[in-house]
Amino acid sequence: MNNLREVPVGSKAKVVRIHGEGAVKRRIMDMGITKGVEIYVRKAAPLGDPIEVTVRGYELSLRKADAESIEVE
């Protein structure tokens, strides 16, 4: 399995699992990233942090550390 950070720009991925605990995991889930949702990676900053994704019809920026905690297929 890959994490969201490894998904190339312009590709879609489906969330399998969110790693992490407590406030970090809750914050990610509050942004609409839950198991089974499809994420489209729109673009990445020049140094790769943050990445911009589309989830449930809206755009969202994620830090690399947060993207690494999202397991996708």
PDB file of N, CA and C in Angstrom:
ATOM      1  N   MET A   1       0.826  -1.200   0.000  1.00  0.00           N
ATOM      2  CA  MET A   1       0.000   0.000   0.000  1.00  0.00           C
ATOM      3  C   MET A   1       0.865   1.257   0.000  1.00  0.00           C
ATOM      4  N   ASN A   2       0.325   2.324  -0.552  1.00  0.00           N
ATOM      5  CA  ASN A   2       1.001   3.623  -0.594  1.00  0.00           C
ATOM      6  C   ASN A   2       0.344   4.565   0.393  1.00  0.00           C
ATOM      7  N   ASN A   3       1.029   5.655   0.648  1.00  0.00           N
ATOM      8  CA  ASN A   3       0.370   6.720   1.393  1.00  0.00           C
ATOM      9  C   ASN A   3       0.055   7.845   0.410  1.00  0.00           C
ATOM     10  N   LEU A   4      -0.743   8.774   0.833  1.00  0.00           N
ATOM     11  CA  LEU A   4      -1.209   9.843  -0.060  1.00  0.00           C
ATOM     12  C   LEU A   4      -0.060  10.682  -0.604  1.00  0.00           C
ATOM     13  N   ARG A   5       1.003  10.821   0.148  1.00  0.00           N
ATOM     14  CA  ARG A   5       2.145  11.622  -0.301  1.00  0.00           C
ATOM     15  C   ARG A   5       2.814  11.020  -1.542  1.00  0.00           C
ATOM     16  N   GLU A   6       2.725   9.701  -1.727  1.00  0.00           N
ATOM     17  CA  GLU A   6       3.361   9.016  -2.854  1.00  0.00           C
ATOM     18  C   GLU A   6       2.529   9.043  -4.129  1.00  0.00           C
ATOM     19  N   VAL A   7       1.288   9.497  -4.052  1.00  0.00           N
ATOM     20  CA  VAL A   7       0.413   9.533  -5.230  1.00  0.00           C
ATOM     21  C   VAL A   7       0.862  10.674  -6.140  1.00  0.00           C
ATOM     22  N   PRO A   8       1.106  10.393  -7.428  1.00  0.00           N
ATOM     23  CA  PRO A   8       1.567  11.451  -8.332  1.00  0.00           C
ATOM     24  C   PRO A   8       0.494  12.497  -8.605  1.00  0.00           C
ATOM     25  N   VAL A   9       0.932  13.708  -8.898  1.00  0.00           N
ATOM     26  CA  VAL A   9       0.017  14.811  -9.227  1.00  0.00           C
ATOM     27  C   VAL A   9      -0.797  14.422 -10.457  1.00  0.00           C
ATOM     28  N   GLY A  10      -2.090  14.689 -10.413  1.00  0.00           N
ATOM     29  CA  GLY A  10      -2.977  14.359 -11.519  1.00  0.00           C
ATOM     30  C   GLY A  10      -3.615  12.997 -11.402  1.00  0.00           C
ATOM     31  N   SER A  11      -3.370  12.292 -10.295  1.00  0.00           N
ATOM     32  CA  SER A  11      -3.917  10.946 -10.095  1.00  0.00           C
ATOM     33  C   SER A  11      -4.961  10.938  -8.992  1.00  0.00           C
ATOM     34  N   LYS A  12      -5.778   9.891  -9.017  1.00  0.00           N
ATOM     35  CA  LYS A  12      -6.785   9.691  -7.982  1.00  0.00           C
ATOM     36  C   LYS A  12      -6.389   8.500  -7.123  1.00  0.00           C
ATOM     37  N   ALA A  13      -6.827   8.513  -5.883  1.00  0.00           N
ATOM     38  CA  ALA A  13      -6.573   7.409  -4.964  1.00  0.00           C
ATOM     39  C   ALA A  13      -7.756   7.267  -4.028  1.00  0.00           C
ATOM     40  N   LYS A  14      -7.965   6.062  -3.526  1.00  0.00           N
ATOM     41  CA  LYS A  14      -9.051   5.781  -2.607  1.00  0.00           C
ATOM     42  C   LYS A  14      -8.467   5.538  -1.218  1.00  0.00           C
ATOM     43  N   VAL A  15      -9.039   6.177  -0.210  1.00  0.00           N
ATOM     44  CA  VAL A  15      -8.536   6.044   1.162  1.00  0.00           C
ATOM     45  C   VAL A  15      -8.882   4.659   1.707  1.00  0.00           C
ATOM     46  N   VAL A  16      -7.851   3.984   2.239  1.00  0.00           N
ATOM     47  CA  VAL A  16      -8.027   2.670   2.839  1.00  0.00           C
ATOM     48  C   VAL A  16      -8.067   2.788   4.360  1.00  0.00           C
ATOM     49  N   ARG A  17      -7.163   3.633   4.895  1.00  0.00           N
ATOM     50  CA  ARG A  17      -7.039   3.739   6.346  1.00  0.00           C
ATOM     51  C   ARG A  17      -6.322   5.032   6.704  1.00  0.00           C
ATOM     52  N   ILE A  18      -6.654   5.560   7.864  1.00  0.00           N
ATOM     53  CA  ILE A  18      -5.953   6.739   8.378  1.00  0.00           C
ATOM     54  C   ILE A  18      -5.178   6.315   9.615  1.00  0.00           C
ATOM     55  N   HIS A  19      -3.869   6.466   9.558  1.00  0.00           N
ATOM     56  CA  HIS A  19      -3.018   6.134  10.693  1.00  0.00           C
ATOM     57  C   HIS A  19      -2.935   7.344  11.619  1.00  0.00           C
ATOM     58  N   GLY A  20      -2.480   7.118  12.809  1.00  0.00           N
ATOM     59  CA  GLY A  20      -2.350   8.221  13.755  1.00  0.00           C
ATOM     60  C   GLY A  20      -3.401   8.105  14.840  1.00  0.00           C
ATOM     61  N   GLU A  21      -3.285   8.978  15.808  1.00  0.00           N
ATOM     62  CA  GLU A  21      -4.200   8.917  16.938  1.00  0.00           C
ATOM     63  C   GLU A  21      -4.639  10.306  17.367  1.00  0.00           C
ATOM     64  N   GLY A  22      -5.693  10.344  18.134  1.00  0.00           N
ATOM     65  CA  GLY A  22      -6.138  11.557  18.785  1.00  0.00           C
ATOM     66  C   GLY A  22      -6.487  12.705  17.857  1.00  0.00           C
ATOM     67  N   ALA A  23      -5.991  13.879  18.218  1.00  0.00           N
ATOM     68  CA  ALA A  23      -6.366  15.118  17.541  1.00  0.00           C
ATOM     69  C   ALA A  23      -5.992  15.138  16.069  1.00  0.00           C
ATOM     70  N   VAL A  24      -4.846  14.569  15.710  1.00  0.00           N
ATOM     71  CA  VAL A  24      -4.409  14.582  14.310  1.00  0.00           C
ATOM     72  C   VAL A  24      -5.372  13.779  13.446  1.00  0.00           C
ATOM     73  N   LYS A  25      -5.690  12.572  13.876  1.00  0.00           N
ATOM     74  CA  LYS A  25      -6.614  11.724  13.121  1.00  0.00           C
ATOM     75  C   LYS A  25      -8.005  12.375  13.052  1.00  0.00           C
ATOM     76  N   ARG A  26      -8.463  12.923  14.145  1.00  0.00           N
ATOM     77  CA  ARG A  26      -9.775  13.576  14.197  1.00  0.00           C
ATOM     78  C   ARG A  26      -9.829  14.765  13.234  1.00  0.00           C
ATOM     79  N   ARG A  27      -8.753  15.552  13.185  1.00  0.00           N
ATOM     80  CA  ARG A  27      -8.702  16.721  12.296  1.00  0.00           C
ATOM     81  C   ARG A  27      -8.783  16.289  10.833  1.00  0.00           C
ATOM     82  N   ILE A  28      -8.049  15.245  10.474  1.00  0.00           N
ATOM     83  CA  ILE A  28      -8.081  14.736   9.094  1.00  0.00           C
ATOM     84  C   ILE A  28      -9.489  14.260   8.743  1.00  0.00           C
ATOM     85  N   MET A  29     -10.114  13.531   9.655  1.00  0.00           N
ATOM     86  CA  MET A  29     -11.468  13.038   9.398  1.00  0.00           C
ATOM     87  C   MET A  29     -12.478  14.190   9.331  1.00  0.00           C
ATOM     88  N   ASP A  30     -12.283  15.231  10.128  1.00  0.00           N
ATOM     89  CA  ASP A  30     -13.175  16.391  10.093  1.00  0.00           C
ATOM     90  C   ASP A  30     -13.092  17.131   8.763  1.00  0.00           C
ATOM     91  N   MET A  31     -11.962  17.008   8.059  1.00  0.00           N
ATOM     92  CA  MET A  31     -11.803  17.646   6.757  1.00  0.00           C
ATOM     93  C   MET A  31     -12.492  16.848   5.650  1.00  0.00           C
ATOM     94  N   GLY A  32     -13.098  15.719   5.983  1.00  0.00           N
ATOM     95  CA  GLY A  32     -13.824  14.922   5.001  1.00  0.00           C
ATOM     96  C   GLY A  32     -13.043  13.745   4.452  1.00  0.00           C
ATOM     97  N   ILE A  33     -11.846  13.522   4.962  1.00  0.00           N
ATOM     98  CA  ILE A  33     -11.034  12.391   4.504  1.00  0.00           C
ATOM     99  C   ILE A  33     -11.348  11.202   5.404  1.00  0.00           C
ATOM    100  N   THR A  34     -12.166  10.303   4.886  1.00  0.00           N
ATOM    101  CA  THR A  34     -12.569   9.116   5.629  1.00  0.00           C
ATOM    102  C   THR A  34     -12.361   7.885   4.762  1.00  0.00           C
ATOM    103  N   LYS A  35     -12.454   6.719   5.364  1.00  0.00           N
ATOM    104  CA  LYS A  35     -12.259   5.458   4.645  1.00  0.00           C
ATOM    105  C   LYS A  35     -13.225   5.365   3.472  1.00  0.00           C
ATOM    106  N   GLY A  36     -12.692   5.014   2.310  1.00  0.00           N
ATOM    107  CA  GLY A  36     -13.515   4.816   1.115  1.00  0.00           C
ATOM    108  C   GLY A  36     -13.675   6.038   0.223  1.00  0.00           C
ATOM    109  N   VAL A  37     -13.294   7.218   0.691  1.00  0.00           N
ATOM    110  CA  VAL A  37     -13.459   8.427  -0.117  1.00  0.00           C
ATOM    111  C   VAL A  37     -12.353   8.510  -1.173  1.00  0.00           C
ATOM    112  N   GLU A  38     -12.693   9.067  -2.336  1.00  0.00           N
ATOM    113  CA  GLU A  38     -11.709   9.225  -3.410  1.00  0.00           C
ATOM    114  C   GLU A  38     -11.078  10.613  -3.328  1.00  0.00           C
ATOM    115  N   ILE A  39      -9.757  10.642  -3.473  1.00  0.00           N
ATOM    116  CA  ILE A  39      -9.002  11.892  -3.405  1.00  0.00           C
ATOM    117  C   ILE A  39      -8.269  12.089  -4.724  1.00  0.00           C
ATOM    118  N   TYR A  40      -8.366  13.298  -5.267  1.00  0.00           N
ATOM    119  CA  TYR A  40      -7.643  13.666  -6.481  1.00  0.00           C
ATOM    120  C   TYR A  40      -6.514  14.616  -6.086  1.00  0.00           C
ATOM    121  N   VAL A  41      -5.278  14.249  -6.450  1.00  0.00           N
ATOM    122  CA  VAL A  41      -4.120  15.081  -6.135  1.00  0.00           C
ATOM    123  C   VAL A  41      -3.974  16.119  -7.240  1.00  0.00           C
ATOM    124  N   ARG A  42      -4.240  17.394  -6.926  1.00  0.00           N
ATOM    125  CA  ARG A  42      -4.230  18.470  -7.916  1.00  0.00           C
ATOM    126  C   ARG A  42      -2.835  18.993  -8.202  1.00  0.00           C
ATOM    127  N   LYS A  43      -2.120  19.353  -7.155  1.00  0.00           N
ATOM    128  CA  LYS A  43      -0.777  19.891  -7.356  1.00  0.00           C
ATOM    129  C   LYS A  43       0.012  19.812  -6.060  1.00  0.00           C
ATOM    130  N   ALA A  44       1.326  20.008  -6.197  1.00  0.00           N
ATOM    131  CA  ALA A  44       2.218  19.988  -5.039  1.00  0.00           C
ATOM    132  C   ALA A  44       3.110  21.222  -5.102  1.00  0.00           C
ATOM    133  N   ALA A  45       3.473  21.735  -3.951  1.00  0.00           N
ATOM    134  CA  ALA A  45       4.389  22.868  -3.883  1.00  0.00           C
ATOM    135  C   ALA A  45       5.759  22.426  -4.411  1.00  0.00           C
ATOM    136  N   PRO A  46       6.608  23.360  -4.815  1.00  0.00           N
ATOM    137  CA  PRO A  46       7.914  23.000  -5.382  1.00  0.00           C
ATOM    138  C   PRO A  46       8.743  22.048  -4.522  1.00  0.00           C
ATOM    139  N   LEU A  47       8.691  22.195  -3.226  1.00  0.00           N
ATOM    140  CA  LEU A  47       9.435  21.287  -2.353  1.00  0.00           C
ATOM    141  C   LEU A  47       8.566  20.148  -1.834  1.00  0.00           C
ATOM    142  N   GLY A  48       7.349  20.040  -2.357  1.00  0.00           N
ATOM    143  CA  GLY A  48       6.466  18.937  -2.007  1.00  0.00           C
ATOM    144  C   GLY A  48       5.623  19.170  -0.765  1.00  0.00           C
ATOM    145  N   ASP A  49       5.710  20.336  -0.163  1.00  0.00           N
ATOM    146  CA  ASP A  49       4.947  20.583   1.051  1.00  0.00           C
ATOM    147  C   ASP A  49       4.326  21.966   0.990  1.00  0.00           C
ATOM    148  N   PRO A  50       3.051  22.153   0.961  1.00  0.00           N
ATOM    149  CA  PRO A  50       2.004  21.132   1.064  1.00  0.00           C
ATOM    150  C   PRO A  50       1.575  20.606  -0.308  1.00  0.00           C
ATOM    151  N   ILE A  51       0.655  19.634  -0.273  1.00  0.00           N
ATOM    152  CA  ILE A  51       0.044  19.156  -1.507  1.00  0.00           C
ATOM    153  C   ILE A  51      -1.409  19.627  -1.510  1.00  0.00           C
ATOM    154  N   GLU A  52      -1.938  19.876  -2.688  1.00  0.00           N
ATOM    155  CA  GLU A  52      -3.326  20.315  -2.811  1.00  0.00           C
ATOM    156  C   GLU A  52      -4.143  19.181  -3.400  1.00  0.00           C
ATOM    157  N   VAL A  53      -5.233  18.843  -2.734  1.00  0.00           N
ATOM    158  CA  VAL A  53      -6.081  17.739  -3.165  1.00  0.00           C
ATOM    159  C   VAL A  53      -7.530  18.204  -3.276  1.00  0.00           C
ATOM    160  N   THR A  54      -8.325  17.423  -4.005  1.00  0.00           N
ATOM    161  CA  THR A  54      -9.763  17.649  -4.070  1.00  0.00           C
ATOM    162  C   THR A  54     -10.442  16.466  -3.393  1.00  0.00           C
ATOM    163  N   VAL A  55     -11.264  16.767  -2.393  1.00  0.00           N
ATOM    164  CA  VAL A  55     -11.981  15.746  -1.632  1.00  0.00           C
ATOM    165  C   VAL A  55     -13.438  16.168  -1.536  1.00  0.00           C
ATOM    166  N   ARG A  56     -14.350  15.289  -1.914  1.00  0.00           N
ATOM    167  CA  ARG A  56     -15.791  15.557  -1.802  1.00  0.00           C
ATOM    168  C   ARG A  56     -16.202  16.886  -2.449  1.00  0.00           C
ATOM    169  N   GLY A  57     -15.511  17.247  -3.540  1.00  0.00           N
ATOM    170  CA  GLY A  57     -15.880  18.440  -4.282  1.00  0.00           C
ATOM    171  C   GLY A  57     -15.261  19.739  -3.811  1.00  0.00           C
ATOM    172  N   TYR A  58     -14.394  19.696  -2.821  1.00  0.00           N
ATOM    173  CA  TYR A  58     -13.723  20.928  -2.419  1.00  0.00           C
ATOM    174  C   TYR A  58     -12.222  20.729  -2.345  1.00  0.00           C
ATOM    175  N   GLU A  59     -11.492  21.836  -2.402  1.00  0.00           N
ATOM    176  CA  GLU A  59     -10.031  21.788  -2.429  1.00  0.00           C
ATOM    177  C   GLU A  59      -9.475  21.928  -1.022  1.00  0.00           C
ATOM    178  N   LEU A  60      -8.381  21.213  -0.794  1.00  0.00           N
ATOM    179  CA  LEU A  60      -7.797  21.136   0.532  1.00  0.00           C
ATOM    180  C   LEU A  60      -6.290  21.046   0.405  1.00  0.00           C
ATOM    181  N   SER A  61      -5.553  21.710   1.274  1.00  0.00           N
ATOM    182  CA  SER A  61      -4.093  21.598   1.306  1.00  0.00           C
ATOM    183  C   SER A  61      -3.695  20.782   2.518  1.00  0.00           C
ATOM    184  N   LEU A  62      -2.788  19.838   2.297  1.00  0.00           N
ATOM    185  CA  LEU A  62      -2.320  18.958   3.372  1.00  0.00           C
ATOM    186  C   LEU A  62      -0.808  19.038   3.507  1.00  0.00           C
ATOM    187  N   ARG A  63      -0.320  19.013   4.727  1.00  0.00           N
ATOM    188  CA  ARG A  63       1.120  18.924   4.958  1.00  0.00           C
ATOM    189  C   ARG A  63       1.588  17.524   4.624  1.00  0.00           C
ATOM    190  N   LYS A  64       2.892  17.402   4.315  1.00  0.00           N
ATOM    191  CA  LYS A  64       3.458  16.095   3.995  1.00  0.00           C
ATOM    192  C   LYS A  64       3.228  15.097   5.126  1.00  0.00           C
ATOM    193  N   ALA A  65       3.437  15.537   6.353  1.00  0.00           N
ATOM    194  CA  ALA A  65       3.279  14.643   7.508  1.00  0.00           C
ATOM    195  C   ALA A  65       1.854  14.093   7.593  1.00  0.00           C
ATOM    196  N   ASP A  66       0.857  14.940   7.309  1.00  0.00           N
ATOM    197  CA  ASP A  66      -0.530  14.479   7.332  1.00  0.00           C
ATOM    198  C   ASP A  66      -0.810  13.538   6.171  1.00  0.00           C
ATOM    199  N   ALA A  67      -0.275  13.857   4.994  1.00  0.00           N
ATOM    200  CA  ALA A  67      -0.484  13.008   3.815  1.00  0.00           C
ATOM    201  C   ALA A  67       0.134  11.622   4.006  1.00  0.00           C
ATOM    202  N   GLU A  68       1.232  11.545   4.724  1.00  0.00           N
ATOM    203  CA  GLU A  68       1.881  10.257   4.968  1.00  0.00           C
ATOM    204  C   GLU A  68       1.057   9.360   5.877  1.00  0.00           C
ATOM    205  N   SER A  69       0.189   9.946   6.674  1.00  0.00           N
ATOM    206  CA  SER A  69      -0.631   9.147   7.594  1.00  0.00           C
ATOM    207  C   SER A  69      -1.907   8.613   6.941  1.00  0.00           C
ATOM    208  N   ILE A  70      -2.127   8.963   5.663  1.00  0.00           N
ATOM    209  CA  ILE A  70      -3.318   8.514   4.944  1.00  0.00           C
ATOM    210  C   ILE A  70      -2.924   7.403   3.981  1.00  0.00           C
ATOM    211  N   GLU A  71      -3.372   6.179   4.268  1.00  0.00           N
ATOM    212  CA  GLU A  71      -3.055   5.023   3.426  1.00  0.00           C
ATOM    213  C   GLU A  71      -4.081   4.933   2.303  1.00  0.00           C
ATOM    214  N   VAL A  72      -3.590   4.783   1.055  1.00  0.00           N
ATOM    215  CA  VAL A  72      -4.474   4.757  -0.112  1.00  0.00           C
ATOM    216  C   VAL A  72      -4.171   3.567  -1.005  1.00  0.00           C
ATOM    217  N   GLU A  73      -5.108   3.311  -1.934  1.00  0.00           N
ATOM    218  CA  GLU A  73      -4.887   2.285  -2.949  1.00  0.00           C
ATOM    219  C   GLU A  73      -5.216   2.853  -4.308  1.00  0.00           C
TER     220      GLU A  73
END
